[in-house]
Amino acid sequence: MNAERPYSIHALELGPMENFIYLIQDHASGRAAVVDPAWEVPQILALAERLGVRISDILLTHSHHDHINGIEEVLAASDAQLHLLKPEAEFWGQHLDLPTLHHGGDRIRVGETEIEVLHTPGHTPGSACYRVGDDLITGDTLFVYGCGRCDLRGGDPEQMFHTLNDLVHKLPEDTCIHPGHNYSVAEVSTLREQIEGNPFLHFDDLKRFTHYRMHYHDRHRHEPYGPVPKGQEMVEA
């Protein structure tokens, strides 16, 4: 634990799709926010109990089933407030009476911990990343040495291209990336390491990025993903 920070981030890998579920613990208040509750919810609740925290908030990075299938069980065990971006609520079309809807740039307070909501479309129209201090919880937007698919309903490779470029140019390179799935040789990474080794961050041309994301990558790369030196993406756009 970093004594200078008001929070800690705890990760659980749960479910058949190697999902990371995060608990953001606010040290001062004993409150916590759970990000993308899914799969074995009793393990999430047990972690909160071990830490001595109360789950007061649920943050969704997006609305795909593997990131939300534990919402009802968490709500049944707590009085947590559900948060997601307004474009994602419109895309999802469910639970519209439950959540607090946000726009990119909004801030959520969990005790003394401030969490910034970033709108990062591409995987879905209302995908969000959550920035807290020098940490970024990225859902299915940015993986360690990968990025989210854009061929599912709501996906858009052009939006993903611009989202990833925005993250690279707007965030400090020592930002710690906490992805939504354990698909890589490492569970976390710095943005600097991703700029150097994540092939999806090596493109400055939309056409080549789209070809790589939509046609090349899934046929030629396999988990666990490792770093790819710039210039070796093997794209024939």
C-alpha atoms as a PDB file:
ATOM      1  CA  MET A   1       0.000   0.000   0.000  1.00  0.00           C
ATOM      2  CA  ASN A   2       1.233   3.454  -0.902  1.00  0.00           C
ATOM      3  CA  ALA A   3       0.657   5.585   2.203  1.00  0.00           C
ATOM      4  CA  GLU A   4       0.522   8.734   0.074  1.00  0.00           C
ATOM      5  CA  ARG A   5      -2.469   7.508  -1.901  1.00  0.00           C
ATOM      6  CA  PRO A   6      -6.005   7.528  -0.503  1.00  0.00           C
ATOM      7  CA  TYR A   7      -6.882   4.300  -2.301  1.00  0.00           C
ATOM      8  CA  SER A   8      -5.788   0.799  -3.217  1.00  0.00           C
ATOM      9  CA  ILE A   9      -6.834  -1.289  -6.217  1.00  0.00           C
ATOM     10  CA  HIS A  10      -7.452  -5.005  -5.735  1.00  0.00           C
ATOM     11  CA  ALA A  11      -7.950  -7.401  -8.652  1.00  0.00           C
ATOM     12  CA  LEU A  12      -9.729 -10.745  -8.935  1.00  0.00           C
ATOM     13  CA  GLU A  13      -9.507 -12.940 -12.026  1.00  0.00           C
ATOM     14  CA  LEU A  14     -12.870 -14.644 -12.375  1.00  0.00           C
ATOM     15  CA  GLY A  15     -14.904 -16.592 -14.900  1.00  0.00           C
ATOM     16  CA  PRO A  16     -14.190 -18.575 -18.065  1.00  0.00           C
ATOM     17  CA  MET A  17     -13.106 -15.492 -20.028  1.00  0.00           C
ATOM     18  CA  GLU A  18     -10.296 -14.466 -17.651  1.00  0.00           C
ATOM     19  CA  ASN A  19     -12.087 -11.298 -16.539  1.00  0.00           C
ATOM     20  CA  PHE A  20     -10.439  -8.935 -14.106  1.00  0.00           C
ATOM     21  CA  ILE A  21     -12.864  -7.512 -11.558  1.00  0.00           C
ATOM     22  CA  TYR A  22     -11.467  -4.585  -9.584  1.00  0.00           C
ATOM     23  CA  LEU A  23     -12.226  -3.268  -6.138  1.00  0.00           C
ATOM     24  CA  ILE A  24     -11.163   0.351  -5.573  1.00  0.00           C
ATOM     25  CA  GLN A  25     -10.762   0.737  -1.821  1.00  0.00           C
ATOM     26  CA  ASP A  26     -10.950   4.190  -0.248  1.00  0.00           C
ATOM     27  CA  HIS A  27      -8.788   4.080   2.872  1.00  0.00           C
ATOM     28  CA  ALA A  28     -10.418   6.931   4.774  1.00  0.00           C
ATOM     29  CA  SER A  29     -14.094   6.040   4.503  1.00  0.00           C
ATOM     30  CA  GLY A  30     -14.115   2.260   4.340  1.00  0.00           C
ATOM     31  CA  ARG A  31     -16.061   2.479   1.086  1.00  0.00           C
ATOM     32  CA  ALA A  32     -15.213   0.671  -2.135  1.00  0.00           C
ATOM     33  CA  ALA A  33     -16.256   0.687  -5.779  1.00  0.00           C
ATOM     34  CA  VAL A  34     -16.391  -2.566  -7.716  1.00  0.00           C
ATOM     35  CA  VAL A  35     -15.623  -2.341 -11.426  1.00  0.00           C
ATOM     36  CA  ASP A  36     -17.465  -4.733 -13.788  1.00  0.00           C
ATOM     37  CA  PRO A  37     -18.862  -7.226 -11.248  1.00  0.00           C
ATOM     38  CA  ALA A  38     -19.277 -10.619 -12.901  1.00  0.00           C
ATOM     39  CA  TRP A  39     -19.037 -14.377 -12.494  1.00  0.00           C
ATOM     40  CA  GLU A  40     -18.237 -15.597  -8.971  1.00  0.00           C
ATOM     41  CA  VAL A  41     -19.775 -12.732  -6.997  1.00  0.00           C
ATOM     42  CA  PRO A  42     -19.294 -14.464  -3.604  1.00  0.00           C
ATOM     43  CA  GLN A  43     -15.545 -14.058  -4.159  1.00  0.00           C
ATOM     44  CA  ILE A  44     -16.033 -10.311  -4.724  1.00  0.00           C
ATOM     45  CA  LEU A  45     -18.111  -9.977  -1.571  1.00  0.00           C
ATOM     46  CA  ALA A  46     -15.605 -12.074   0.389  1.00  0.00           C
ATOM     47  CA  LEU A  47     -12.764  -9.786  -0.719  1.00  0.00           C
ATOM     48  CA  ALA A  48     -14.702  -6.734   0.453  1.00  0.00           C
ATOM     49  CA  GLU A  49     -15.336  -8.432   3.799  1.00  0.00           C
ATOM     50  CA  ARG A  50     -11.662  -9.336   4.235  1.00  0.00           C
ATOM     51  CA  LEU A  51     -10.695  -5.737   3.530  1.00  0.00           C
ATOM     52  CA  GLY A  52     -13.349  -4.440   5.900  1.00  0.00           C
ATOM     53  CA  VAL A  53     -14.978  -2.237   3.239  1.00  0.00           C
ATOM     54  CA  ARG A  54     -18.548  -1.551   2.155  1.00  0.00           C
ATOM     55  CA  ILE A  55     -19.294  -1.686  -1.570  1.00  0.00           C
ATOM     56  CA  SER A  56     -20.985   1.658  -2.199  1.00  0.00           C
ATOM     57  CA  ASP A  57     -20.565   1.968  -5.964  1.00  0.00           C
ATOM     58  CA  ILE A  58     -20.565  -0.193  -9.095  1.00  0.00           C
ATOM     59  CA  LEU A  59     -18.651   1.166 -12.091  1.00  0.00           C
ATOM     60  CA  LEU A  60     -19.246  -0.356 -15.523  1.00  0.00           C
ATOM     61  CA  THR A  61     -16.689  -0.029 -18.284  1.00  0.00           C
ATOM     62  CA  HIS A  62     -19.278  -1.344 -20.759  1.00  0.00           C
ATOM     63  CA  SER A  63     -22.362  -3.539 -20.937  1.00  0.00           C
ATOM     64  CA  HIS A  64     -21.203  -6.850 -22.409  1.00  0.00           C
ATOM     65  CA  HIS A  65     -22.508  -9.854 -20.472  1.00  0.00           C
ATOM     66  CA  ASP A  66     -19.111 -10.991 -19.214  1.00  0.00           C
ATOM     67  CA  HIS A  67     -18.653  -7.644 -17.427  1.00  0.00           C
ATOM     68  CA  ILE A  68     -22.120  -7.222 -15.902  1.00  0.00           C
ATOM     69  CA  ASN A  69     -23.576 -10.622 -15.027  1.00  0.00           C
ATOM     70  CA  GLY A  70     -22.962 -10.096 -11.307  1.00  0.00           C
ATOM     71  CA  ILE A  71     -24.701  -6.731 -10.945  1.00  0.00           C
ATOM     72  CA  GLU A  72     -27.941  -8.043  -9.458  1.00  0.00           C
ATOM     73  CA  GLU A  73     -26.114 -10.214  -6.925  1.00  0.00           C
ATOM     74  CA  VAL A  74     -23.962  -7.292  -5.763  1.00  0.00           C
ATOM     75  CA  LEU A  75     -27.013  -5.026  -5.520  1.00  0.00           C
ATOM     76  CA  ALA A  76     -28.825  -7.664  -3.482  1.00  0.00           C
ATOM     77  CA  ALA A  77     -25.959  -7.629  -0.973  1.00  0.00           C
ATOM     78  CA  SER A  78     -25.404  -3.861  -0.837  1.00  0.00           C
ATOM     79  CA  ASP A  79     -26.996  -0.478  -1.431  1.00  0.00           C
ATOM     80  CA  ALA A  80     -24.467   0.322  -4.147  1.00  0.00           C
ATOM     81  CA  GLN A  81     -25.057   2.986  -6.780  1.00  0.00           C
ATOM     82  CA  LEU A  82     -24.573   1.881 -10.393  1.00  0.00           C
ATOM     83  CA  HIS A  83     -22.557   4.153 -12.711  1.00  0.00           C
ATOM     84  CA  LEU A  84     -22.022   4.117 -16.477  1.00  0.00           C
ATOM     85  CA  LEU A  85     -21.768   6.491 -19.387  1.00  0.00           C
ATOM     86  CA  LYS A  86     -24.996   7.754 -20.947  1.00  0.00           C
ATOM     87  CA  PRO A  87     -24.066   6.508 -24.475  1.00  0.00           C
ATOM     88  CA  GLU A  88     -23.532   3.020 -23.039  1.00  0.00           C
ATOM     89  CA  ALA A  89     -26.855   3.069 -21.208  1.00  0.00           C
ATOM     90  CA  GLU A  90     -28.565   3.950 -24.494  1.00  0.00           C
ATOM     91  CA  PHE A  91     -26.667   1.163 -26.273  1.00  0.00           C
ATOM     92  CA  TRP A  92     -27.416  -1.361 -23.507  1.00  0.00           C
ATOM     93  CA  GLY A  93     -31.085  -0.469 -23.129  1.00  0.00           C
ATOM     94  CA  GLN A  94     -31.471  -2.164 -19.733  1.00  0.00           C
ATOM     95  CA  HIS A  95     -31.538  -1.093 -16.086  1.00  0.00           C
ATOM     96  CA  LEU A  96     -32.195   2.478 -17.209  1.00  0.00           C
ATOM     97  CA  ASP A  97     -33.984   3.192 -13.912  1.00  0.00           C
ATOM     98  CA  LEU A  98     -30.932   2.168 -11.857  1.00  0.00           C
ATOM     99  CA  PRO A  99     -27.758   3.931 -12.925  1.00  0.00           C
ATOM    100  CA  THR A 100     -26.276   7.331 -12.437  1.00  0.00           C
ATOM    101  CA  LEU A 101     -25.446   8.330 -16.001  1.00  0.00           C
ATOM    102  CA  HIS A 102     -22.208  10.122 -16.779  1.00  0.00           C
ATOM    103  CA  HIS A 103     -20.417  11.960 -19.547  1.00  0.00           C
ATOM    104  CA  GLY A 104     -16.717  11.814 -20.313  1.00  0.00           C
ATOM    105  CA  GLY A 105     -14.826  14.024 -17.877  1.00  0.00           C
ATOM    106  CA  ASP A 106     -17.221  13.488 -14.975  1.00  0.00           C
ATOM    107  CA  ARG A 107     -15.771  12.608 -11.585  1.00  0.00           C
ATOM    108  CA  ILE A 108     -17.085  10.130  -9.061  1.00  0.00           C
ATOM    109  CA  ARG A 109     -16.103  10.406  -5.405  1.00  0.00           C
ATOM    110  CA  VAL A 110     -15.758   7.309  -3.270  1.00  0.00           C
ATOM    111  CA  GLY A 111     -14.884   8.716   0.129  1.00  0.00           C
ATOM    112  CA  GLU A 112     -11.664  10.686  -0.354  1.00  0.00           C
ATOM    113  CA  THR A 113     -10.901   8.999  -3.676  1.00  0.00           C
ATOM    114  CA  GLU A 114     -11.750  10.824  -6.907  1.00  0.00           C
ATOM    115  CA  ILE A 115     -12.342   8.720 -10.011  1.00  0.00           C
ATOM    116  CA  GLU A 116     -12.388  10.373 -13.438  1.00  0.00           C
ATOM    117  CA  VAL A 117     -14.636   8.869 -16.098  1.00  0.00           C
ATOM    118  CA  LEU A 118     -13.097   8.794 -19.584  1.00  0.00           C
ATOM    119  CA  HIS A 119     -15.299   8.151 -22.621  1.00  0.00           C
ATOM    120  CA  THR A 120     -13.328   5.663 -24.746  1.00  0.00           C
ATOM    121  CA  PRO A 121     -15.568   4.360 -27.572  1.00  0.00           C
ATOM    122  CA  GLY A 122     -14.496   1.664 -29.987  1.00  0.00           C
ATOM    123  CA  HIS A 123     -15.323  -1.647 -28.325  1.00  0.00           C
ATOM    124  CA  THR A 124     -18.817  -0.279 -27.635  1.00  0.00           C
ATOM    125  CA  PRO A 125     -20.249   3.218 -28.184  1.00  0.00           C
ATOM    126  CA  GLY A 126     -20.147   4.118 -24.489  1.00  0.00           C
ATOM    127  CA  SER A 127     -17.089   2.271 -23.269  1.00  0.00           C
ATOM    128  CA  ALA A 128     -15.403   3.935 -20.310  1.00  0.00           C
ATOM    129  CA  CYS A 129     -12.025   3.890 -18.629  1.00  0.00           C
ATOM    130  CA  TYR A 130     -11.716   4.938 -14.995  1.00  0.00           C
ATOM    131  CA  ARG A 131      -8.731   7.039 -13.993  1.00  0.00           C
ATOM    132  CA  VAL A 132      -7.811   7.181 -10.331  1.00  0.00           C
ATOM    133  CA  GLY A 133      -4.501   8.789  -9.453  1.00  0.00           C
ATOM    134  CA  ASP A 134      -1.865   7.312 -11.746  1.00  0.00           C
ATOM    135  CA  ASP A 135      -3.961   4.188 -12.406  1.00  0.00           C
ATOM    136  CA  LEU A 136      -6.285   3.552 -15.348  1.00  0.00           C
ATOM    137  CA  ILE A 137      -8.839   0.738 -15.379  1.00  0.00           C
ATOM    138  CA  THR A 138      -9.381   0.138 -19.072  1.00  0.00           C
ATOM    139  CA  GLY A 139     -12.045  -2.567 -19.454  1.00  0.00           C
ATOM    140  CA  ASP A 140     -12.019  -3.866 -23.015  1.00  0.00           C
ATOM    141  CA  THR A 141     -10.588  -0.683 -24.500  1.00  0.00           C
ATOM    142  CA  LEU A 142      -6.893  -1.331 -23.892  1.00  0.00           C
ATOM    143  CA  PHE A 143      -5.364  -4.656 -22.897  1.00  0.00           C
ATOM    144  CA  VAL A 144      -1.759  -5.290 -22.007  1.00  0.00           C
ATOM    145  CA  TYR A 145      -0.266  -5.618 -25.524  1.00  0.00           C
ATOM    146  CA  GLY A 146      -3.736  -5.714 -27.077  1.00  0.00           C
ATOM    147  CA  CYS A 147      -7.055  -3.904 -27.453  1.00  0.00           C
ATOM    148  CA  GLY A 148     -10.725  -4.809 -27.503  1.00  0.00           C
ATOM    149  CA  ARG A 149     -12.497  -6.305 -30.472  1.00  0.00           C
ATOM    150  CA  CYS A 150     -14.366  -4.019 -32.829  1.00  0.00           C
ATOM    151  CA  ASP A 151     -16.345  -6.633 -34.778  1.00  0.00           C
ATOM    152  CA  LEU A 152     -19.090  -7.141 -32.190  1.00  0.00           C
ATOM    153  CA  ARG A 153     -22.322  -5.137 -32.141  1.00  0.00           C
ATOM    154  CA  GLY A 154     -21.503  -1.533 -31.359  1.00  0.00           C
ATOM    155  CA  GLY A 155     -17.821  -1.913 -32.198  1.00  0.00           C
ATOM    156  CA  ASP A 156     -16.132   0.639 -34.426  1.00  0.00           C
ATOM    157  CA  PRO A 157     -12.440   0.403 -35.410  1.00  0.00           C
ATOM    158  CA  GLU A 158     -12.293   4.068 -36.405  1.00  0.00           C
ATOM    159  CA  GLN A 159     -13.474   5.108 -32.952  1.00  0.00           C
ATOM    160  CA  MET A 160     -11.004   2.682 -31.370  1.00  0.00           C
ATOM    161  CA  PHE A 161      -8.143   4.162 -33.416  1.00  0.00           C
ATOM    162  CA  HIS A 162      -8.938   7.664 -32.190  1.00  0.00           C
ATOM    163  CA  THR A 163      -9.546   6.513 -28.606  1.00  0.00           C
ATOM    164  CA  LEU A 164      -6.184   4.784 -28.355  1.00  0.00           C
ATOM    165  CA  ASN A 165      -4.392   7.751 -29.871  1.00  0.00           C
ATOM    166  CA  ASP A 166      -6.096  10.065 -27.377  1.00  0.00           C
ATOM    167  CA  LEU A 167      -4.962   7.911 -24.459  1.00  0.00           C
ATOM    168  CA  VAL A 168      -1.385   7.917 -25.724  1.00  0.00           C
ATOM    169  CA  HIS A 169      -1.257  11.670 -26.193  1.00  0.00           C
ATOM    170  CA  LYS A 170      -3.231  12.793 -23.129  1.00  0.00           C
ATOM    171  CA  LEU A 171      -2.063  10.525 -20.310  1.00  0.00           C
ATOM    172  CA  PRO A 172       1.331  10.395 -18.588  1.00  0.00           C
ATOM    173  CA  GLU A 173       3.517   7.542 -19.744  1.00  0.00           C
ATOM    174  CA  ASP A 174       3.871   6.222 -16.181  1.00  0.00           C
ATOM    175  CA  THR A 175       0.104   5.599 -15.987  1.00  0.00           C
ATOM    176  CA  CYS A 176      -0.518   2.034 -14.787  1.00  0.00           C
ATOM    177  CA  ILE A 177      -2.892   0.096 -17.041  1.00  0.00           C
ATOM    178  CA  HIS A 178      -5.331  -2.344 -15.413  1.00  0.00           C
ATOM    179  CA  PRO A 179      -7.096  -4.250 -18.239  1.00  0.00           C
ATOM    180  CA  GLY A 180     -10.446  -6.022 -18.288  1.00  0.00           C
ATOM    181  CA  HIS A 181      -9.017  -9.450 -19.140  1.00  0.00           C
ATOM    182  CA  ASN A 182      -5.892 -11.442 -18.354  1.00  0.00           C
ATOM    183  CA  TYR A 183      -4.842 -11.998 -21.957  1.00  0.00           C
ATOM    184  CA  SER A 184      -1.170 -11.087 -21.675  1.00  0.00           C
ATOM    185  CA  VAL A 185       2.187 -12.120 -20.295  1.00  0.00           C
ATOM    186  CA  ALA A 186       1.644  -9.436 -17.603  1.00  0.00           C
ATOM    187  CA  GLU A 187      -1.415  -8.505 -15.570  1.00  0.00           C
ATOM    188  CA  VAL A 188      -0.617  -4.764 -15.475  1.00  0.00           C
ATOM    189  CA  SER A 189       1.670  -2.487 -17.442  1.00  0.00           C
ATOM    190  CA  THR A 190       2.663   1.128 -17.804  1.00  0.00           C
ATOM    191  CA  LEU A 191       1.434   3.188 -20.700  1.00  0.00           C
ATOM    192  CA  ARG A 192       5.078   3.658 -21.671  1.00  0.00           C
ATOM    193  CA  GLU A 193       5.481  -0.119 -22.066  1.00  0.00           C
ATOM    194  CA  GLN A 194       2.337  -0.186 -24.189  1.00  0.00           C
ATOM    195  CA  ILE A 195       3.528   2.616 -26.436  1.00  0.00           C
ATOM    196  CA  GLU A 196       6.697   0.603 -27.034  1.00  0.00           C
ATOM    197  CA  GLY A 197       5.223  -2.892 -27.338  1.00  0.00           C
ATOM    198  CA  ASN A 198       1.483  -2.791 -28.045  1.00  0.00           C
ATOM    199  CA  PRO A 199       1.001  -3.150 -31.809  1.00  0.00           C
ATOM    200  CA  PHE A 200      -2.326  -1.326 -31.716  1.00  0.00           C
ATOM    201  CA  LEU A 201      -0.522   1.813 -30.527  1.00  0.00           C
ATOM    202  CA  HIS A 202       1.981   1.737 -33.380  1.00  0.00           C
ATOM    203  CA  PHE A 203      -0.332   2.944 -36.142  1.00  0.00           C
ATOM    204  CA  ASP A 204      -0.720   6.520 -37.301  1.00  0.00           C
ATOM    205  CA  ASP A 205      -2.813   5.499 -40.314  1.00  0.00           C
ATOM    206  CA  LEU A 206      -6.479   4.599 -39.834  1.00  0.00           C
ATOM    207  CA  LYS A 207      -6.651   2.256 -42.834  1.00  0.00           C
ATOM    208  CA  ARG A 208      -3.714   0.167 -41.663  1.00  0.00           C
ATOM    209  CA  PHE A 209      -5.017   0.072 -38.087  1.00  0.00           C
ATOM    210  CA  THR A 210      -8.438  -1.086 -39.276  1.00  0.00           C
ATOM    211  CA  HIS A 211      -6.914  -3.829 -41.427  1.00  0.00           C
ATOM    212  CA  TYR A 212      -4.806  -5.029 -38.520  1.00  0.00           C
ATOM    213  CA  ARG A 213      -7.677  -4.949 -35.981  1.00  0.00           C
ATOM    214  CA  MET A 214     -10.389  -6.405 -38.199  1.00  0.00           C
ATOM    215  CA  HIS A 215      -8.513  -8.875 -40.407  1.00  0.00           C
ATOM    216  CA  TYR A 216      -4.922  -9.600 -39.421  1.00  0.00           C
ATOM    217  CA  HIS A 217      -4.550  -9.685 -35.665  1.00  0.00           C
ATOM    218  CA  ASP A 218      -6.861 -12.494 -34.597  1.00  0.00           C
ATOM    219  CA  ARG A 219      -5.477 -14.850 -37.240  1.00  0.00           C
ATOM    220  CA  HIS A 220      -1.810 -14.260 -36.481  1.00  0.00           C
ATOM    221  CA  ARG A 221      -1.447 -13.467 -32.756  1.00  0.00           C
ATOM    222  CA  HIS A 222      -2.243 -15.795 -29.902  1.00  0.00           C
ATOM    223  CA  GLU A 223      -2.552 -15.481 -26.144  1.00  0.00           C
ATOM    224  CA  PRO A 224      -0.803 -14.719 -23.958  1.00  0.00           C
ATOM    225  CA  TYR A 225       0.052 -11.514 -25.786  1.00  0.00           C
ATOM    226  CA  GLY A 226       3.593 -10.247 -25.489  1.00  0.00           C
ATOM    227  CA  PRO A 227       5.306  -7.099 -26.730  1.00  0.00           C
ATOM    228  CA  VAL A 228       5.666  -6.484 -30.458  1.00  0.00           C
ATOM    229  CA  PRO A 229       8.467  -4.120 -31.522  1.00  0.00           C
ATOM    230  CA  LYS A 230       7.330  -1.218 -33.641  1.00  0.00           C
ATOM    231  CA  GLY A 231       7.673  -2.039 -37.324  1.00  0.00           C
ATOM    232  CA  GLN A 232       7.064  -5.772 -36.825  1.00  0.00           C
ATOM    233  CA  GLU A 233       3.268  -5.767 -36.865  1.00  0.00           C
ATOM    234  CA  MET A 234       3.394  -7.693 -40.180  1.00  0.00           C
ATOM    235  CA  VAL A 235       0.580  -5.673 -41.721  1.00  0.00           C
ATOM    236  CA  GLU A 236      -0.077  -5.709 -45.435  1.00  0.00           C
ATOM    237  CA  ALA A 237      -2.614  -2.941 -45.729  1.00  0.00           C
END
